[in-house]
N, C-alpha and C. Protein backbone atom coordinates (compact mmCIF):
# COMPACT_ATOMS: atom_id res chain seq x y z
N MET A 1 2.41 27.29 -2.17
CA MET A 1 2.50 26.04 -1.44
C MET A 1 3.91 25.48 -1.60
N SER A 2 4.48 25.01 -0.51
CA SER A 2 5.84 24.50 -0.49
C SER A 2 5.95 23.16 -1.23
N LYS A 3 7.12 22.90 -1.81
CA LYS A 3 7.36 21.62 -2.47
C LYS A 3 7.53 20.48 -1.47
N THR A 4 7.57 20.81 -0.16
CA THR A 4 7.67 19.78 0.87
C THR A 4 6.32 19.47 1.51
N THR A 5 5.24 20.03 0.97
CA THR A 5 3.89 19.76 1.44
C THR A 5 3.32 18.57 0.68
N ALA A 6 2.75 17.61 1.41
CA ALA A 6 2.12 16.45 0.75
C ALA A 6 0.81 16.89 0.12
N LEU A 7 0.73 16.75 -1.19
CA LEU A 7 -0.46 17.15 -1.94
C LEU A 7 -1.09 15.92 -2.59
N PRO A 8 -2.41 15.96 -2.82
CA PRO A 8 -3.02 14.87 -3.59
C PRO A 8 -2.31 14.72 -4.93
N TRP A 9 -2.12 13.50 -5.37
CA TRP A 9 -1.33 13.25 -6.57
C TRP A 9 -1.85 14.01 -7.78
N ARG A 10 -3.16 14.21 -7.89
CA ARG A 10 -3.72 14.91 -9.06
C ARG A 10 -3.26 16.37 -9.14
N LYS A 11 -2.90 16.97 -8.01
CA LYS A 11 -2.40 18.35 -8.03
C LYS A 11 -0.93 18.42 -8.43
N VAL A 12 -0.21 17.33 -8.25
CA VAL A 12 1.21 17.30 -8.60
C VAL A 12 1.41 16.78 -10.02
N LEU A 13 0.73 15.71 -10.37
CA LEU A 13 0.86 15.09 -11.69
C LEU A 13 -0.30 15.55 -12.57
N ASN A 14 -0.27 16.80 -12.94
CA ASN A 14 -1.39 17.38 -13.70
C ASN A 14 -1.05 17.51 -15.18
N ASP A 15 -0.48 16.44 -15.73
CA ASP A 15 -0.13 16.42 -17.15
C ASP A 15 -1.15 15.59 -17.94
N ASP A 16 -0.87 15.33 -19.19
CA ASP A 16 -1.79 14.60 -20.05
C ASP A 16 -1.58 13.09 -20.04
N LYS A 17 -0.65 12.59 -19.22
CA LYS A 17 -0.38 11.16 -19.17
C LYS A 17 -1.53 10.41 -18.50
N ILE A 18 -1.61 9.13 -18.79
CA ILE A 18 -2.61 8.28 -18.14
C ILE A 18 -2.00 7.73 -16.87
N HIS A 19 -2.51 8.18 -15.73
CA HIS A 19 -2.00 7.76 -14.43
C HIS A 19 -2.85 6.63 -13.88
N THR A 20 -2.21 5.64 -13.25
CA THR A 20 -2.90 4.44 -12.77
C THR A 20 -2.95 4.36 -11.25
N ILE A 21 -2.90 5.49 -10.59
CA ILE A 21 -2.89 5.54 -9.13
C ILE A 21 -4.29 5.24 -8.60
N THR A 22 -4.36 4.38 -7.59
CA THR A 22 -5.62 3.99 -6.96
C THR A 22 -5.59 4.37 -5.49
N GLY A 23 -6.69 4.92 -4.99
CA GLY A 23 -6.77 5.24 -3.57
C GLY A 23 -6.19 6.61 -3.25
N ASP A 24 -5.95 6.83 -1.97
CA ASP A 24 -5.49 8.12 -1.45
C ASP A 24 -3.96 8.17 -1.44
N VAL A 25 -3.39 8.69 -2.50
CA VAL A 25 -1.94 8.83 -2.61
C VAL A 25 -1.60 10.31 -2.67
N LYS A 26 -0.68 10.71 -1.82
CA LYS A 26 -0.22 12.09 -1.80
C LYS A 26 1.26 12.10 -2.18
N ILE A 27 1.73 13.23 -2.67
CA ILE A 27 3.12 13.35 -3.12
C ILE A 27 3.77 14.56 -2.48
N ILE A 28 4.98 14.36 -2.00
CA ILE A 28 5.85 15.47 -1.61
C ILE A 28 6.86 15.59 -2.75
N GLU A 29 6.81 16.68 -3.47
CA GLU A 29 7.59 16.82 -4.70
C GLU A 29 9.10 16.89 -4.45
N ALA A 30 9.52 17.54 -3.38
CA ALA A 30 10.96 17.72 -3.14
C ALA A 30 11.27 17.59 -1.66
N PHE A 31 11.29 16.35 -1.17
CA PHE A 31 11.58 16.08 0.24
C PHE A 31 13.09 16.16 0.45
N PRO A 32 13.55 17.04 1.37
CA PRO A 32 14.99 17.19 1.56
C PRO A 32 15.61 16.01 2.32
N ILE A 33 16.75 15.56 1.83
CA ILE A 33 17.55 14.54 2.51
C ILE A 33 18.92 15.19 2.75
N PRO A 34 19.06 15.93 3.86
CA PRO A 34 20.26 16.74 4.07
C PRO A 34 21.55 15.92 4.19
N GLN A 35 21.46 14.70 4.69
CA GLN A 35 22.66 13.86 4.82
C GLN A 35 23.29 13.57 3.47
N LEU A 36 22.48 13.51 2.43
CA LEU A 36 22.96 13.24 1.07
C LEU A 36 23.00 14.50 0.21
N GLN A 37 22.56 15.62 0.78
CA GLN A 37 22.50 16.90 0.08
C GLN A 37 21.69 16.81 -1.22
N ILE A 38 20.51 16.14 -1.10
CA ILE A 38 19.63 15.98 -2.26
C ILE A 38 18.18 16.13 -1.80
N GLU A 39 17.29 16.17 -2.78
CA GLU A 39 15.86 16.12 -2.54
C GLU A 39 15.30 14.98 -3.39
N ARG A 40 14.26 14.34 -2.90
CA ARG A 40 13.61 13.27 -3.65
C ARG A 40 12.10 13.42 -3.57
N ARG A 41 11.42 12.95 -4.60
CA ARG A 41 9.96 12.90 -4.55
C ARG A 41 9.56 11.72 -3.67
N ILE A 42 8.57 11.97 -2.79
CA ILE A 42 8.06 10.95 -1.88
C ILE A 42 6.57 10.75 -2.17
N TRP A 43 6.16 9.51 -2.28
CA TRP A 43 4.77 9.13 -2.49
C TRP A 43 4.27 8.52 -1.19
N ILE A 44 3.06 8.88 -0.75
CA ILE A 44 2.51 8.33 0.49
C ILE A 44 1.10 7.81 0.20
N TYR A 45 0.91 6.52 0.44
CA TYR A 45 -0.40 5.89 0.29
C TYR A 45 -1.05 5.79 1.66
N PHE A 46 -2.31 6.25 1.76
CA PHE A 46 -3.07 6.15 2.99
C PHE A 46 -4.24 5.19 2.77
N PRO A 47 -4.49 4.27 3.71
CA PRO A 47 -5.63 3.36 3.56
C PRO A 47 -6.96 4.10 3.69
N LYS A 48 -8.01 3.47 3.18
CA LYS A 48 -9.34 4.09 3.18
C LYS A 48 -9.80 4.52 4.57
N SER A 49 -9.51 3.74 5.59
CA SER A 49 -10.00 4.04 6.93
C SER A 49 -9.12 5.04 7.69
N TYR A 50 -8.09 5.57 7.04
CA TYR A 50 -7.13 6.43 7.73
C TYR A 50 -7.78 7.65 8.38
N LYS A 51 -8.73 8.27 7.71
CA LYS A 51 -9.36 9.49 8.22
C LYS A 51 -10.50 9.23 9.19
N GLU A 52 -10.79 7.98 9.47
CA GLU A 52 -11.95 7.63 10.28
C GLU A 52 -11.72 7.62 11.78
N GLY A 53 -10.51 7.70 12.25
CA GLY A 53 -10.32 7.62 13.70
C GLY A 53 -8.87 7.77 14.11
N VAL A 54 -8.56 7.15 15.24
CA VAL A 54 -7.23 7.30 15.83
C VAL A 54 -6.41 6.01 15.75
N ARG A 55 -6.83 5.10 14.94
CA ARG A 55 -6.13 3.83 14.77
C ARG A 55 -4.69 4.04 14.30
N ARG A 56 -3.82 3.15 14.70
CA ARG A 56 -2.43 3.18 14.24
C ARG A 56 -2.26 2.16 13.12
N TYR A 57 -1.36 2.48 12.18
CA TYR A 57 -1.14 1.63 11.01
C TYR A 57 0.34 1.28 10.90
N PRO A 58 0.64 0.08 10.43
CA PRO A 58 2.04 -0.21 10.10
C PRO A 58 2.43 0.64 8.89
N VAL A 59 3.72 0.95 8.80
CA VAL A 59 4.23 1.75 7.69
C VAL A 59 5.27 0.91 6.94
N LEU A 60 5.08 0.82 5.63
CA LEU A 60 6.01 0.11 4.76
C LEU A 60 6.77 1.15 3.96
N TYR A 61 8.09 1.12 4.02
CA TYR A 61 8.93 2.05 3.24
C TYR A 61 9.47 1.29 2.04
N MET A 62 9.30 1.90 0.86
CA MET A 62 9.72 1.24 -0.37
C MET A 62 10.63 2.15 -1.19
N GLN A 63 11.62 1.57 -1.81
CA GLN A 63 12.49 2.30 -2.71
C GLN A 63 11.89 2.28 -4.11
N ASP A 64 12.50 3.05 -5.01
CA ASP A 64 12.04 3.14 -6.40
C ASP A 64 10.58 3.60 -6.46
N GLY A 65 10.26 4.63 -5.70
CA GLY A 65 8.90 5.13 -5.55
C GLY A 65 8.16 5.39 -6.84
N GLN A 66 8.87 5.80 -7.89
CA GLN A 66 8.21 6.10 -9.16
C GLN A 66 7.58 4.85 -9.76
N ASN A 67 7.98 3.66 -9.32
CA ASN A 67 7.44 2.40 -9.84
C ASN A 67 6.28 1.84 -9.02
N VAL A 68 6.10 2.31 -7.80
CA VAL A 68 5.23 1.65 -6.83
C VAL A 68 3.74 1.79 -7.15
N PHE A 69 3.29 2.98 -7.57
CA PHE A 69 1.86 3.25 -7.72
C PHE A 69 1.40 3.63 -9.12
N ASN A 70 2.30 3.97 -10.03
CA ASN A 70 1.88 4.68 -11.24
C ASN A 70 2.64 4.21 -12.48
N GLN A 71 1.91 3.71 -13.46
CA GLN A 71 2.53 3.28 -14.71
C GLN A 71 3.16 4.45 -15.46
N ALA A 72 2.56 5.63 -15.38
CA ALA A 72 3.06 6.79 -16.14
C ALA A 72 4.44 7.25 -15.69
N THR A 73 4.84 6.94 -14.45
CA THR A 73 6.15 7.36 -13.95
C THR A 73 7.10 6.18 -13.78
N SER A 74 6.63 4.98 -14.05
CA SER A 74 7.40 3.76 -13.81
C SER A 74 8.49 3.55 -14.86
N TRP A 75 9.56 2.92 -14.44
CA TRP A 75 10.61 2.46 -15.35
C TRP A 75 10.26 1.03 -15.74
N GLY A 76 9.31 0.85 -16.58
CA GLY A 76 8.88 -0.50 -16.95
C GLY A 76 7.43 -0.69 -16.57
N ILE A 77 7.19 -1.60 -15.64
CA ILE A 77 5.83 -1.93 -15.24
C ILE A 77 5.59 -1.48 -13.80
N GLU A 78 4.46 -0.79 -13.60
CA GLU A 78 4.07 -0.38 -12.24
C GLU A 78 3.93 -1.60 -11.35
N TRP A 79 4.31 -1.47 -10.09
CA TRP A 79 4.29 -2.60 -9.15
C TRP A 79 2.89 -2.89 -8.61
N GLY A 80 1.96 -1.95 -8.69
CA GLY A 80 0.58 -2.21 -8.28
C GLY A 80 0.36 -2.33 -6.78
N VAL A 81 1.20 -1.68 -5.99
CA VAL A 81 1.08 -1.76 -4.53
C VAL A 81 -0.24 -1.16 -4.06
N ASP A 82 -0.66 -0.05 -4.65
CA ASP A 82 -1.91 0.59 -4.25
C ASP A 82 -3.12 -0.30 -4.56
N GLU A 83 -3.17 -0.86 -5.73
CA GLU A 83 -4.28 -1.75 -6.10
C GLU A 83 -4.32 -2.99 -5.19
N THR A 84 -3.14 -3.53 -4.90
CA THR A 84 -3.07 -4.72 -4.04
C THR A 84 -3.57 -4.41 -2.63
N LEU A 85 -3.13 -3.29 -2.06
CA LEU A 85 -3.58 -2.93 -0.71
C LEU A 85 -5.07 -2.63 -0.67
N GLU A 86 -5.58 -1.95 -1.69
CA GLU A 86 -7.02 -1.66 -1.74
C GLU A 86 -7.81 -2.97 -1.78
N GLN A 87 -7.37 -3.93 -2.58
CA GLN A 87 -8.06 -5.22 -2.69
C GLN A 87 -7.96 -6.02 -1.40
N MET A 88 -6.78 -6.04 -0.77
CA MET A 88 -6.59 -6.79 0.47
C MET A 88 -7.45 -6.26 1.61
N ALA A 89 -7.70 -4.96 1.62
CA ALA A 89 -8.44 -4.33 2.72
C ALA A 89 -9.94 -4.53 2.63
N ILE A 90 -10.44 -5.03 1.51
CA ILE A 90 -11.88 -5.26 1.38
C ILE A 90 -12.28 -6.33 2.38
N GLY A 91 -13.05 -5.94 3.36
CA GLY A 91 -13.51 -6.88 4.38
C GLY A 91 -12.47 -7.26 5.42
N GLU A 92 -11.26 -6.75 5.31
CA GLU A 92 -10.20 -7.10 6.26
C GLU A 92 -9.33 -5.88 6.53
N THR A 93 -9.87 -4.93 7.29
CA THR A 93 -9.14 -3.68 7.55
C THR A 93 -7.87 -3.90 8.36
N GLY A 94 -7.71 -5.05 8.97
CA GLY A 94 -6.48 -5.35 9.70
C GLY A 94 -5.27 -5.46 8.80
N LEU A 95 -5.50 -5.57 7.50
CA LEU A 95 -4.39 -5.67 6.55
C LEU A 95 -3.98 -4.31 5.99
N GLU A 96 -4.63 -3.23 6.43
CA GLU A 96 -4.31 -1.90 5.92
C GLU A 96 -2.95 -1.44 6.42
N ALA A 97 -2.29 -0.64 5.60
CA ALA A 97 -0.98 -0.09 5.94
C ALA A 97 -0.78 1.22 5.21
N ILE A 98 0.11 2.03 5.74
CA ILE A 98 0.58 3.23 5.06
C ILE A 98 1.84 2.83 4.30
N VAL A 99 1.99 3.33 3.08
CA VAL A 99 3.20 3.06 2.30
C VAL A 99 3.87 4.38 1.97
N VAL A 100 5.16 4.47 2.28
CA VAL A 100 5.97 5.62 1.93
C VAL A 100 6.97 5.13 0.89
N ALA A 101 6.89 5.69 -0.31
CA ALA A 101 7.74 5.24 -1.41
C ALA A 101 8.63 6.40 -1.86
N ILE A 102 9.93 6.16 -1.90
CA ILE A 102 10.92 7.20 -2.18
C ILE A 102 11.47 6.97 -3.59
N ASP A 103 11.35 7.99 -4.45
CA ASP A 103 11.90 7.88 -5.80
C ASP A 103 13.40 7.60 -5.75
N ASN A 104 13.87 6.87 -6.76
CA ASN A 104 15.31 6.64 -6.84
C ASN A 104 16.00 7.86 -7.46
N GLY A 105 17.29 7.75 -7.63
CA GLY A 105 18.08 8.88 -8.12
C GLY A 105 18.14 9.02 -9.64
N GLY A 106 17.23 8.37 -10.34
CA GLY A 106 17.24 8.49 -11.80
C GLY A 106 18.49 7.91 -12.39
N ASP A 107 19.20 8.69 -13.19
CA ASP A 107 20.43 8.22 -13.83
C ASP A 107 21.51 7.81 -12.83
N GLN A 108 21.41 8.32 -11.60
CA GLN A 108 22.41 8.03 -10.57
C GLN A 108 21.91 6.94 -9.60
N ARG A 109 20.88 6.20 -9.97
CA ARG A 109 20.28 5.21 -9.07
C ARG A 109 21.30 4.26 -8.47
N ASN A 110 22.15 3.70 -9.26
CA ASN A 110 23.09 2.69 -8.76
C ASN A 110 24.23 3.27 -7.92
N ASN A 111 24.38 4.59 -7.96
CA ASN A 111 25.39 5.22 -7.11
C ASN A 111 24.86 5.39 -5.70
């Protein structure tokens, strides 16, 4: 399987750490960014109703992807975007969105 295929997070993060990911999150381990001649890990959150039909969803793009969904990969405290979206969508599916979160450059983040 290619490193550019979006896989369920449990297949990518199969270590002994305690992961705090909620909902349907998939990871692309090495998404190519040819303009910068780099690859980055991409996290994609899908709302619960995503597989149910042909509805369109807004897409939110977030930087510092390692912080967005998971305490085990966060630099500090996880932002809890997945938990917040799951809670907001209870009884109000109009608030559902797809989130694409792009990991930062690690030690080179500020560059």
